Each structure stands twice: as structure tokens, then as C-alpha cells.
């Protein structure tokens, strides 16, 4: 199927009302096996000792790599329009928003 056929057919997505509002997450943990990448999105709040996982997404390795490329492209577009995204005291492999024990992301 060529690119024009893809555009003509399109992909229709259904967005149920309960999903449309989304979930806020400010922490992610990524694990993998030989066949899957598992991304747990959690919400960490100050003064709350336990982070609650709000969503888990399981991806095939090929889809995880496509997601990485799509995120890189979109971050590049965002920064071109709005400026560089600054991450205070950036540490490798973590996206924890608060002073928490080191995790993986």
C-alpha cells in the first residue's frame, strides 16, 4: 500500500470518554524482557510516601523504538516553537520530580 492509499483510508481512533480526560503522571518506570517493554506511569506527590501507578503500557520492542523516535521528533518541534525544555539537576535515567530514591526511567 502506498502513502496516498494510507492517507485516503486513514486510521480511525475511538477515544472513550473515560480515557479522553487522561491521567497526570510525573514519574515513569520502564522495564523490559526479550519480547516486551513495560512502561508504568505514576503520580508522585510531596508528602505522600507511596507513588500510585496510573497507567501501564506494554509495547513490542519495535513499537518502543518507534515511540522513542516520535517523542524525539515532537520534543524537537516543541523546543523549536517554545524554547528549550530545561530539567533542573538532571540525573541520568530518572524523571522523578521530587527528592526520591533513585529509580529507573
PDB file of N, CA and C in Angstrom:
ATOM      1  N   UNK A   1       0.851  -1.177   0.000  1.00  0.00           N
ATOM      2  CA  UNK A   1       0.000   0.000   0.000  1.00  0.00           C
ATOM      3  C   UNK A   1       0.891   1.232   0.000  1.00  0.00           C
ATOM      4  N   UNK A   2       0.635   2.144  -0.893  1.00  0.00           N
ATOM      5  CA  UNK A   2       1.477   3.332  -0.947  1.00  0.00           C
ATOM      6  C   UNK A   2       0.969   4.410  -0.002  1.00  0.00           C
ATOM      7  N   UNK A   3       1.734   5.479   0.136  1.00  0.00           N
ATOM      8  CA  UNK A   3       1.433   6.550   1.082  1.00  0.00           C
ATOM      9  C   UNK A   3       0.087   7.212   0.804  1.00  0.00           C
ATOM     10  N   UNK A   4      -0.256   7.395  -0.480  1.00  0.00           N
ATOM     11  CA  UNK A   4      -1.542   8.008  -0.818  1.00  0.00           C
ATOM     12  C   UNK A   4      -2.714   7.149  -0.366  1.00  0.00           C
ATOM     13  N   UNK A   5      -2.572   5.831  -0.528  1.00  0.00           N
ATOM     14  CA  UNK A   5      -3.635   4.930  -0.078  1.00  0.00           C
ATOM     15  C   UNK A   5      -3.794   5.005   1.434  1.00  0.00           C
ATOM     16  N   UNK A   6      -2.672   5.106   2.166  1.00  0.00           N
ATOM     17  CA  UNK A   6      -2.737   5.236   3.621  1.00  0.00           C
ATOM     18  C   UNK A   6      -3.519   6.480   4.013  1.00  0.00           C
ATOM     19  N   UNK A   7      -3.248   7.598   3.336  1.00  0.00           N
ATOM     20  CA  UNK A   7      -3.927   8.850   3.654  1.00  0.00           C
ATOM     21  C   UNK A   7      -5.407   8.767   3.340  1.00  0.00           C
ATOM     22  N   UNK A   8      -5.766   8.095   2.226  1.00  0.00           N
ATOM     23  CA  UNK A   8      -7.166   8.001   1.846  1.00  0.00           C
ATOM     24  C   UNK A   8      -7.934   7.115   2.821  1.00  0.00           C
ATOM     25  N   UNK A   9      -7.363   5.993   3.200  1.00  0.00           N
ATOM     26  CA  UNK A   9      -8.043   5.089   4.120  1.00  0.00           C
ATOM     27  C   UNK A   9      -8.036   5.650   5.533  1.00  0.00           C
ATOM     28  N   UNK A  10      -6.919   6.166   5.955  1.00  0.00           N
ATOM     29  CA  UNK A  10      -6.804   6.723   7.296  1.00  0.00           C
ATOM     30  C   UNK A  10      -6.980   5.669   8.371  1.00  0.00           C
ATOM     31  N   UNK A  11      -6.661   6.065   9.556  1.00  0.00           N
ATOM     32  CA  UNK A  11      -6.838   5.203  10.712  1.00  0.00           C
ATOM     33  C   UNK A  11      -7.807   5.895  11.634  1.00  0.00           C
ATOM     34  N   UNK A  12      -8.887   5.235  11.929  1.00  0.00           N
ATOM     35  CA  UNK A  12      -9.876   5.828  12.818  1.00  0.00           C
ATOM     36  C   UNK A  12      -9.599   5.357  14.242  1.00  0.00           C
ATOM     37  N   UNK A  13      -9.538   6.313  15.151  1.00  0.00           N
ATOM     38  CA  UNK A  13      -9.319   6.004  16.555  1.00  0.00           C
ATOM     39  C   UNK A  13     -10.572   6.317  17.343  1.00  0.00           C
ATOM     40  N   UNK A  14     -10.902   5.440  18.239  1.00  0.00           N
ATOM     41  CA  UNK A  14     -12.011   5.697  19.150  1.00  0.00           C
ATOM     42  C   UNK A  14     -11.415   6.139  20.475  1.00  0.00           C
ATOM     43  N   UNK A  15     -11.890   7.254  20.998  1.00  0.00           N
ATOM     44  CA  UNK A  15     -11.402   7.781  22.266  1.00  0.00           C
ATOM     45  C   UNK A  15     -12.561   7.801  23.256  1.00  0.00           C
ATOM     46  N   UNK A  16     -12.676   6.736  24.066  1.00  0.00           N
ATOM     47  CA  UNK A  16     -13.774   6.686  25.034  1.00  0.00           C
ATOM     48  C   UNK A  16     -13.703   7.846  26.024  1.00  0.00           C
ATOM     49  N   UNK A  17     -14.843   8.303  26.490  1.00  0.00           N
ATOM     50  CA  UNK A  17     -14.934   9.445  27.388  1.00  0.00           C
ATOM     51  C   UNK A  17     -14.059   9.273  28.629  1.00  0.00           C
ATOM     52  N   UNK A  18     -14.042   8.077  29.208  1.00  0.00           N
ATOM     53  CA  UNK A  18     -13.270   7.864  30.440  1.00  0.00           C
ATOM     54  C   UNK A  18     -11.761   7.905  30.196  1.00  0.00           C
ATOM     55  N   UNK A  19     -11.335   7.741  28.962  1.00  0.00           N
ATOM     56  CA  UNK A  19      -9.918   7.811  28.623  1.00  0.00           C
ATOM     57  C   UNK A  19      -9.543   9.221  28.159  1.00  0.00           C
ATOM     58  N   UNK A  20     -10.486   9.936  27.586  1.00  0.00           N
ATOM     59  CA  UNK A  20     -10.223  11.238  26.972  1.00  0.00           C
ATOM     60  C   UNK A  20      -9.668  12.269  27.952  1.00  0.00           C
ATOM     61  N   UNK A  21     -10.046  12.179  29.209  1.00  0.00           N
ATOM     62  CA  UNK A  21      -9.551  13.146  30.198  1.00  0.00           C
ATOM     63  C   UNK A  21      -8.104  12.891  30.567  1.00  0.00           C
ATOM     64  N   UNK A  22      -7.611  11.701  30.327  1.00  0.00           N
ATOM     65  CA  UNK A  22      -6.216  11.382  30.585  1.00  0.00           C
ATOM     66  C   UNK A  22      -5.921  11.195  32.063  1.00  0.00           C
ATOM     67  N   UNK A  23      -4.699  10.834  32.338  1.00  0.00           N
ATOM     68  CA  UNK A  23      -4.176  10.686  33.693  1.00  0.00           C
ATOM     69  C   UNK A  23      -2.886  11.482  33.778  1.00  0.00           C
ATOM     70  N   UNK A  24      -2.731  12.269  34.824  1.00  0.00           N
ATOM     71  CA  UNK A  24      -1.488  13.009  35.027  1.00  0.00           C
ATOM     72  C   UNK A  24      -0.460  12.069  35.638  1.00  0.00           C
ATOM     73  N   UNK A  25       0.715  12.028  35.039  1.00  0.00           N
ATOM     74  CA  UNK A  25       1.816  11.229  35.567  1.00  0.00           C
ATOM     75  C   UNK A  25       3.074  12.084  35.532  1.00  0.00           C
ATOM     76  N   UNK A  26       3.852  12.029  36.620  1.00  0.00           N
ATOM     77  CA  UNK A  26       5.106  12.771  36.670  1.00  0.00           C
ATOM     78  C   UNK A  26       6.289  11.857  37.021  1.00  0.00           C
ATOM     79  N   UNK A  27       6.080  10.576  36.816  1.00  0.00           N
ATOM     80  CA  UNK A  27       7.118   9.593  37.116  1.00  0.00           C
ATOM     81  C   UNK A  27       6.874   8.380  36.227  1.00  0.00           C
ATOM     82  N   UNK A  28       7.924   7.806  35.677  1.00  0.00           N
ATOM     83  CA  UNK A  28       7.782   6.618  34.846  1.00  0.00           C
ATOM     84  C   UNK A  28       8.885   5.627  35.168  1.00  0.00           C
ATOM     85  N   UNK A  29       8.525   4.369  35.153  1.00  0.00           N
ATOM     86  CA  UNK A  29       9.498   3.296  35.328  1.00  0.00           C
ATOM     87  C   UNK A  29       9.366   2.387  34.115  1.00  0.00           C
ATOM     88  N   UNK A  30      10.490   2.102  33.486  1.00  0.00           N
ATOM     89  CA  UNK A  30      10.491   1.283  32.282  1.00  0.00           C
ATOM     90  C   UNK A  30      11.281   0.007  32.562  1.00  0.00           C
ATOM     91  N   UNK A  31      10.660  -1.120  32.270  1.00  0.00           N
ATOM     92  CA  UNK A  31      11.337  -2.411  32.366  1.00  0.00           C
ATOM     93  C   UNK A  31      11.152  -3.126  31.031  1.00  0.00           C
ATOM     94  N   UNK A  32      11.937  -4.160  30.822  1.00  0.00           N
ATOM     95  CA  UNK A  32      11.799  -4.891  29.564  1.00  0.00           C
ATOM     96  C   UNK A  32      12.202  -6.346  29.732  1.00  0.00           C
ATOM     97  N   UNK A  33      11.671  -7.145  28.813  1.00  0.00           N
ATOM     98  CA  UNK A  33      12.084  -8.536  28.665  1.00  0.00           C
ATOM     99  C   UNK A  33      12.549  -8.685  27.228  1.00  0.00           C
ATOM    100  N   UNK A  34      12.782  -9.887  26.794  1.00  0.00           N
ATOM    101  CA  UNK A  34      13.218 -10.078  25.405  1.00  0.00           C
ATOM    102  C   UNK A  34      12.103  -9.768  24.418  1.00  0.00           C
ATOM    103  N   UNK A  35      10.855  -9.762  24.885  1.00  0.00           N
ATOM    104  CA  UNK A  35       9.746  -9.575  23.955  1.00  0.00           C
ATOM    105  C   UNK A  35       8.904  -8.326  24.199  1.00  0.00           C
ATOM    106  N   UNK A  36       9.074  -7.656  25.337  1.00  0.00           N
ATOM    107  CA  UNK A  36       8.210  -6.523  25.669  1.00  0.00           C
ATOM    108  C   UNK A  36       8.952  -5.425  26.410  1.00  0.00           C
ATOM    109  N   UNK A  37       8.457  -4.199  26.251  1.00  0.00           N
ATOM    110  CA  UNK A  37       8.827  -3.069  27.094  1.00  0.00           C
ATOM    111  C   UNK A  37       7.581  -2.728  27.906  1.00  0.00           C
ATOM    112  N   UNK A  38       7.754  -2.524  29.193  1.00  0.00           N
ATOM    113  CA  UNK A  38       6.636  -2.176  30.067  1.00  0.00           C
ATOM    114  C   UNK A  38       6.927  -0.805  30.651  1.00  0.00           C
ATOM    115  N   UNK A  39       5.987   0.120  30.432  1.00  0.00           N
ATOM    116  CA  UNK A  39       6.140   1.482  30.934  1.00  0.00           C
ATOM    117  C   UNK A  39       5.029   1.724  31.945  1.00  0.00           C
ATOM    118  N   UNK A  40       5.410   1.915  33.199  1.00  0.00           N
ATOM    119  CA  UNK A  40       4.461   2.262  34.258  1.00  0.00           C
ATOM    120  C   UNK A  40       4.533   3.761  34.487  1.00  0.00           C
ATOM    121  N   UNK A  41       3.398   4.432  34.321  1.00  0.00           N
ATOM    122  CA  UNK A  41       3.294   5.865  34.571  1.00  0.00           C
ATOM    123  C   UNK A  41       2.652   6.053  35.933  1.00  0.00           C
ATOM    124  N   UNK A  42       3.299   6.839  36.785  1.00  0.00           N
ATOM    125  CA  UNK A  42       2.823   7.032  38.155  1.00  0.00           C
ATOM    126  C   UNK A  42       2.739   8.507  38.485  1.00  0.00           C
ATOM    127  N   UNK A  43       2.043   8.775  39.566  1.00  0.00           N
ATOM    128  CA  UNK A  43       1.934  10.133  40.083  1.00  0.00           C
ATOM    129  C   UNK A  43       2.586  10.161  41.454  1.00  0.00           C
ATOM    130  N   UNK A  44       3.608  11.017  41.587  1.00  0.00           N
ATOM    131  CA  UNK A  44       4.315  11.188  42.853  1.00  0.00           C
ATOM    132  C   UNK A  44       3.940  12.555  43.401  1.00  0.00           C
ATOM    133  N   UNK A  45       3.517  12.592  44.656  1.00  0.00           N
ATOM    134  CA  UNK A  45       3.131  13.849  45.281  1.00  0.00           C
ATOM    135  C   UNK A  45       3.942  14.076  46.546  1.00  0.00           C
ATOM    136  N   UNK A  46       4.318  15.327  46.824  1.00  0.00           N
ATOM    137  CA  UNK A  46       5.090  15.615  48.034  1.00  0.00           C
ATOM    138  C   UNK A  46       4.305  15.207  49.272  1.00  0.00           C
ATOM    139  N   UNK A  47       4.989  14.613  50.211  1.00  0.00           N
ATOM    140  CA  UNK A  47       4.357  14.224  51.464  1.00  0.00           C
ATOM    141  C   UNK A  47       3.575  12.927  51.392  1.00  0.00           C
ATOM    142  N   UNK A  48       3.465  12.348  50.223  1.00  0.00           N
ATOM    143  CA  UNK A  48       2.769  11.065  50.074  1.00  0.00           C
ATOM    144  C   UNK A  48       3.839   9.998  49.866  1.00  0.00           C
ATOM    145  N   UNK A  49       3.944   9.049  50.816  1.00  0.00           N
ATOM    146  CA  UNK A  49       5.075   8.115  50.779  1.00  0.00           C
ATOM    147  C   UNK A  49       5.025   7.090  49.651  1.00  0.00           C
ATOM    148  N   UNK A  50       3.858   6.904  49.033  1.00  0.00           N
ATOM    149  CA  UNK A  50       3.727   5.856  48.033  1.00  0.00           C
ATOM    150  C   UNK A  50       3.238   6.441  46.716  1.00  0.00           C
ATOM    151  N   UNK A  51       3.977   6.182  45.636  1.00  0.00           N
ATOM    152  CA  UNK A  51       3.542   6.607  44.300  1.00  0.00           C
ATOM    153  C   UNK A  51       2.544   5.584  43.777  1.00  0.00           C
ATOM    154  N   UNK A  52       1.508   6.069  43.135  1.00  0.00           N
ATOM    155  CA  UNK A  52       0.492   5.167  42.603  1.00  0.00           C
ATOM    156  C   UNK A  52       0.613   5.097  41.084  1.00  0.00           C
ATOM    157  N   UNK A  53       0.747   3.870  40.566  1.00  0.00           N
ATOM    158  CA  UNK A  53       0.782   3.684  39.122  1.00  0.00           C
ATOM    159  C   UNK A  53      -0.597   3.985  38.576  1.00  0.00           C
ATOM    160  N   UNK A  54      -0.644   4.883  37.595  1.00  0.00           N
ATOM    161  CA  UNK A  54      -1.912   5.302  36.998  1.00  0.00           C
ATOM    162  C   UNK A  54      -2.183   4.608  35.683  1.00  0.00           C
ATOM    163  N   UNK A  55      -1.120   4.170  35.013  1.00  0.00           N
ATOM    164  CA  UNK A  55      -1.300   3.520  33.727  1.00  0.00           C
ATOM    165  C   UNK A  55      -0.094   2.648  33.422  1.00  0.00           C
ATOM    166  N   UNK A  56      -0.337   1.522  32.806  1.00  0.00           N
ATOM    167  CA  UNK A  56       0.742   0.637  32.358  1.00  0.00           C
ATOM    168  C   UNK A  56       0.562   0.423  30.868  1.00  0.00           C
ATOM    169  N   UNK A  57       1.640   0.637  30.119  1.00  0.00           N
ATOM    170  CA  UNK A  57       1.614   0.431  28.676  1.00  0.00           C
ATOM    171  C   UNK A  57       2.654  -0.631  28.345  1.00  0.00           C
ATOM    172  N   UNK A  58       2.222  -1.653  27.618  1.00  0.00           N
ATOM    173  CA  UNK A  58       3.112  -2.746  27.225  1.00  0.00           C
ATOM    174  C   UNK A  58       3.315  -2.653  25.713  1.00  0.00           C
ATOM    175  N   UNK A  59       4.594  -2.589  25.309  1.00  0.00           N
ATOM    176  CA  UNK A  59       4.936  -2.385  23.904  1.00  0.00           C
ATOM    177  C   UNK A  59       5.875  -3.471  23.406  1.00  0.00           C
ATOM    178  N   UNK A  60       5.730  -3.827  22.149  1.00  0.00           N
ATOM    179  CA  UNK A  60       6.728  -4.668  21.489  1.00  0.00           C
ATOM    180  C   UNK A  60       7.988  -3.815  21.311  1.00  0.00           C
ATOM    181  N   UNK A  61       9.160  -4.432  21.272  1.00  0.00           N
ATOM    182  CA  UNK A  61      10.396  -3.652  21.125  1.00  0.00           C
ATOM    183  C   UNK A  61      10.377  -2.705  19.924  1.00  0.00           C
ATOM    184  N   UNK A  62       9.824  -3.147  18.801  1.00  0.00           N
ATOM    185  CA  UNK A  62       9.761  -2.296  17.609  1.00  0.00           C
ATOM    186  C   UNK A  62       8.904  -1.069  17.868  1.00  0.00           C
ATOM    187  N   UNK A  63       7.791  -1.238  18.586  1.00  0.00           N
ATOM    188  CA  UNK A  63       6.915  -0.105  18.888  1.00  0.00           C
ATOM    189  C   UNK A  63       7.556   0.833  19.912  1.00  0.00           C
ATOM    190  N   UNK A  64       8.324   0.278  20.841  1.00  0.00           N
ATOM    191  CA  UNK A  64       9.036   1.119  21.808  1.00  0.00           C
ATOM    192  C   UNK A  64      10.042   2.005  21.078  1.00  0.00           C
ATOM    193  N   UNK A  65      10.716   1.450  20.096  1.00  0.00           N
ATOM    194  CA  UNK A  65      11.689   2.238  19.339  1.00  0.00           C
ATOM    195  C   UNK A  65      10.981   3.301  18.499  1.00  0.00           C
ATOM    196  N   UNK A  66       9.824   2.974  17.937  1.00  0.00           N
ATOM    197  CA  UNK A  66       9.042   3.965  17.184  1.00  0.00           C
ATOM    198  C   UNK A  66       8.541   5.073  18.112  1.00  0.00           C
ATOM    199  N   UNK A  67       8.141   4.703  19.318  1.00  0.00           N
ATOM    200  CA  UNK A  67       7.691   5.701  20.291  1.00  0.00           C
ATOM    201  C   UNK A  67       8.844   6.637  20.652  1.00  0.00           C
ATOM    202  N   UNK A  68      10.023   6.090  20.866  1.00  0.00           N
ATOM    203  CA  UNK A  68      11.201   6.907  21.154  1.00  0.00           C
ATOM    204  C   UNK A  68      11.442   7.923  20.040  1.00  0.00           C
ATOM    205  N   UNK A  69      11.393   7.465  18.793  1.00  0.00           N
ATOM    206  CA  UNK A  69      11.612   8.368  17.659  1.00  0.00           C
ATOM    207  C   UNK A  69      10.524   9.438  17.592  1.00  0.00           C
ATOM    208  N   UNK A  70       9.282   9.058  17.841  1.00  0.00           N
ATOM    209  CA  UNK A  70       8.174  10.018  17.800  1.00  0.00           C
ATOM    210  C   UNK A  70       8.309  11.052  18.917  1.00  0.00           C
ATOM    211  N   UNK A  71       8.713  10.623  20.105  1.00  0.00           N
ATOM    212  CA  UNK A  71       8.928  11.558  21.208  1.00  0.00           C
ATOM    213  C   UNK A  71      10.072  12.513  20.898  1.00  0.00           C
ATOM    214  N   UNK A  72      11.167  11.987  20.349  1.00  0.00           N
ATOM    215  CA  UNK A  72      12.304  12.848  19.996  1.00  0.00           C
ATOM    216  C   UNK A  72      11.884  13.898  18.974  1.00  0.00           C
ATOM    217  N   UNK A  73      11.131  13.486  17.971  1.00  0.00           N
ATOM    218  CA  UNK A  73      10.687  14.417  16.941  1.00  0.00           C
ATOM    219  C   UNK A  73       9.762  15.485  17.530  1.00  0.00           C
ATOM    220  N   UNK A  74       8.844  15.067  18.387  1.00  0.00           N
ATOM    221  CA  UNK A  74       7.905  16.014  18.974  1.00  0.00           C
ATOM    222  C   UNK A  74       8.572  16.958  19.969  1.00  0.00           C
ATOM    223  N   UNK A  75       9.551  16.480  20.710  1.00  0.00           N
ATOM    224  CA  UNK A  75      10.293  17.363  21.616  1.00  0.00           C
ATOM    225  C   UNK A  75      11.073  18.390  20.809  1.00  0.00           C
ATOM    226  N   UNK A  76      11.654  17.965  19.697  1.00  0.00           N
ATOM    227  CA  UNK A  76      12.379  18.887  18.836  1.00  0.00           C
ATOM    228  C   UNK A  76      11.429  19.975  18.304  1.00  0.00           C
ATOM    229  N   UNK A  77      10.244  19.590  17.862  1.00  0.00           N
ATOM    230  CA  UNK A  77       9.255  20.557  17.377  1.00  0.00           C
ATOM    231  C   UNK A  77       8.807  21.505  18.488  1.00  0.00           C
ATOM    232  N   UNK A  78       8.573  20.942  19.666  1.00  0.00           N
ATOM    233  CA  UNK A  78       8.151  21.750  20.811  1.00  0.00           C
ATOM    234  C   UNK A  78       9.206  22.806  21.133  1.00  0.00           C
ATOM    235  N   UNK A  79      10.475  22.366  21.234  1.00  0.00           N
ATOM    236  CA  UNK A  79      11.548  23.290  21.594  1.00  0.00           C
ATOM    237  C   UNK A  79      11.773  24.345  20.518  1.00  0.00           C
ATOM    238  N   UNK A  80      11.540  23.992  19.281  1.00  0.00           N
ATOM    239  CA  UNK A  80      11.661  24.973  18.201  1.00  0.00           C
ATOM    240  C   UNK A  80      10.597  26.064  18.358  1.00  0.00           C
ATOM    241  N   UNK A  81       9.410  25.680  18.792  1.00  0.00           N
ATOM    242  CA  UNK A  81       8.315  26.633  18.942  1.00  0.00           C
ATOM    243  C   UNK A  81       8.336  27.377  20.282  1.00  0.00           C
ATOM    244  N   UNK A  82       8.653  26.678  21.364  1.00  0.00           N
ATOM    245  CA  UNK A  82       8.515  27.252  22.698  1.00  0.00           C
ATOM    246  C   UNK A  82       9.833  27.459  23.444  1.00  0.00           C
ATOM    247  N   UNK A  83      10.933  26.955  22.919  1.00  0.00           N
ATOM    248  CA  UNK A  83      12.212  27.087  23.598  1.00  0.00           C
ATOM    249  C   UNK A  83      12.633  25.785  24.266  1.00  0.00           C
ATOM    250  N   UNK A  84      13.873  25.760  24.683  1.00  0.00           N
ATOM    251  CA  UNK A  84      14.458  24.561  25.282  1.00  0.00           C
ATOM    252  C   UNK A  84      13.742  24.164  26.558  1.00  0.00           C
ATOM    253  N   UNK A  85      13.483  22.897  26.686  1.00  0.00           N
ATOM    254  CA  UNK A  85      12.913  22.351  27.921  1.00  0.00           C
ATOM    255  C   UNK A  85      14.074  22.154  28.882  1.00  0.00           C
ATOM    256  N   UNK A  86      14.026  22.815  30.002  1.00  0.00           N
ATOM    257  CA  UNK A  86      15.101  22.721  31.000  1.00  0.00           C
ATOM    258  C   UNK A  86      14.692  21.738  32.084  1.00  0.00           C
ATOM    259  N   UNK A  87      15.630  20.897  32.458  1.00  0.00           N
ATOM    260  CA  UNK A  87      15.397  19.935  33.533  1.00  0.00           C
ATOM    261  C   UNK A  87      16.397  20.252  34.635  1.00  0.00           C
ATOM    262  N   UNK A  88      15.926  20.801  35.772  1.00  0.00           N
ATOM    263  CA  UNK A  88      16.839  21.145  36.866  1.00  0.00           C
ATOM    264  C   UNK A  88      17.545  19.902  37.404  1.00  0.00           C
ATOM    265  N   UNK A  89      18.798  20.070  37.702  1.00  0.00           N
ATOM    266  CA  UNK A  89      19.648  18.999  38.240  1.00  0.00           C
ATOM    267  C   UNK A  89      19.347  17.655  37.593  1.00  0.00           C
ATOM    268  N   UNK A  90      19.449  17.634  36.278  1.00  0.00           N
ATOM    269  CA  UNK A  90      19.136  16.425  35.518  1.00  0.00           C
ATOM    270  C   UNK A  90      20.092  15.313  35.876  1.00  0.00           C
ATOM    271  N   UNK A  91      19.527  14.178  36.244  1.00  0.00           N
ATOM    272  CA  UNK A  91      20.321  12.992  36.509  1.00  0.00           C
ATOM    273  C   UNK A  91      19.953  11.941  35.476  1.00  0.00           C
ATOM    274  N   UNK A  92      20.903  11.166  35.037  1.00  0.00           N
ATOM    275  CA  UNK A  92      20.595  10.147  34.042  1.00  0.00           C
ATOM    276  C   UNK A  92      19.608   9.114  34.575  1.00  0.00           C
ATOM    277  N   UNK A  93      18.722   8.662  33.701  1.00  0.00           N
ATOM    278  CA  UNK A  93      17.838   7.520  33.925  1.00  0.00           C
ATOM    279  C   UNK A  93      16.749   7.742  34.963  1.00  0.00           C
ATOM    280  N   UNK A  94      16.459   8.969  35.346  1.00  0.00           N
ATOM    281  CA  UNK A  94      15.335   9.174  36.256  1.00  0.00           C
ATOM    282  C   UNK A  94      14.552  10.399  35.842  1.00  0.00           C
ATOM    283  N   UNK A  95      13.246  10.349  36.045  1.00  0.00           N
ATOM    284  CA  UNK A  95      12.424  11.521  35.772  1.00  0.00           C
ATOM    285  C   UNK A  95      11.594  11.858  37.002  1.00  0.00           C
ATOM    286  N   UNK A  96      12.100  11.478  38.169  1.00  0.00           N
ATOM    287  CA  UNK A  96      11.388  11.769  39.405  1.00  0.00           C
ATOM    288  C   UNK A  96      11.339  13.275  39.631  1.00  0.00           C
ATOM    289  N   UNK A  97      10.164  13.820  39.938  1.00  0.00           N
ATOM    290  CA  UNK A  97      10.037  15.260  40.108  1.00  0.00           C
ATOM    291  C   UNK A  97      10.451  15.765  41.481  1.00  0.00           C
ATOM    292  N   UNK A  98      10.611  14.870  42.441  1.00  0.00           N
ATOM    293  CA  UNK A  98      10.926  15.272  43.797  1.00  0.00           C
ATOM    294  C   UNK A  98      12.158  14.511  44.264  1.00  0.00           C
ATOM    295  N   UNK A  99      12.619  14.822  45.452  1.00  0.00           N
ATOM    296  CA  UNK A  99      13.764  14.113  46.030  1.00  0.00           C
ATOM    297  C   UNK A  99      13.329  12.719  46.451  1.00  0.00           C
ATOM    298  N   UNK A 100      13.534  11.772  45.594  1.00  0.00           N
ATOM    299  CA  UNK A 100      13.147  10.391  45.863  1.00  0.00           C
ATOM    300  C   UNK A 100      14.356   9.497  45.680  1.00  0.00           C
ATOM    301  N   UNK A 101      14.274   8.294  46.212  1.00  0.00           N
ATOM    302  CA  UNK A 101      15.355   7.338  45.935  1.00  0.00           C
ATOM    303  C   UNK A 101      15.470   7.156  44.425  1.00  0.00           C
ATOM    304  N   UNK A 102      16.669   6.861  43.977  1.00  0.00           N
ATOM    305  CA  UNK A 102      16.912   6.723  42.556  1.00  0.00           C
ATOM    306  C   UNK A 102      16.048   5.621  41.972  1.00  0.00           C
ATOM    307  N   UNK A 103      15.425   5.878  40.823  1.00  0.00           N
ATOM    308  CA  UNK A 103      14.632   4.891  40.115  1.00  0.00           C
ATOM    309  C   UNK A 103      15.080   4.843  38.679  1.00  0.00           C
ATOM    310  N   UNK A 104      14.491   3.995  37.911  1.00  0.00           N
ATOM    311  CA  UNK A 104      14.822   3.920  36.502  1.00  0.00           C
ATOM    312  C   UNK A 104      13.692   4.506  35.693  1.00  0.00           C
ATOM    313  N   UNK A 105      14.058   5.149  34.605  1.00  0.00           N
ATOM    314  CA  UNK A 105      13.031   5.659  33.687  1.00  0.00           C
ATOM    315  C   UNK A 105      13.547   5.575  32.290  1.00  0.00           C
TER     316      UNK A 105
END
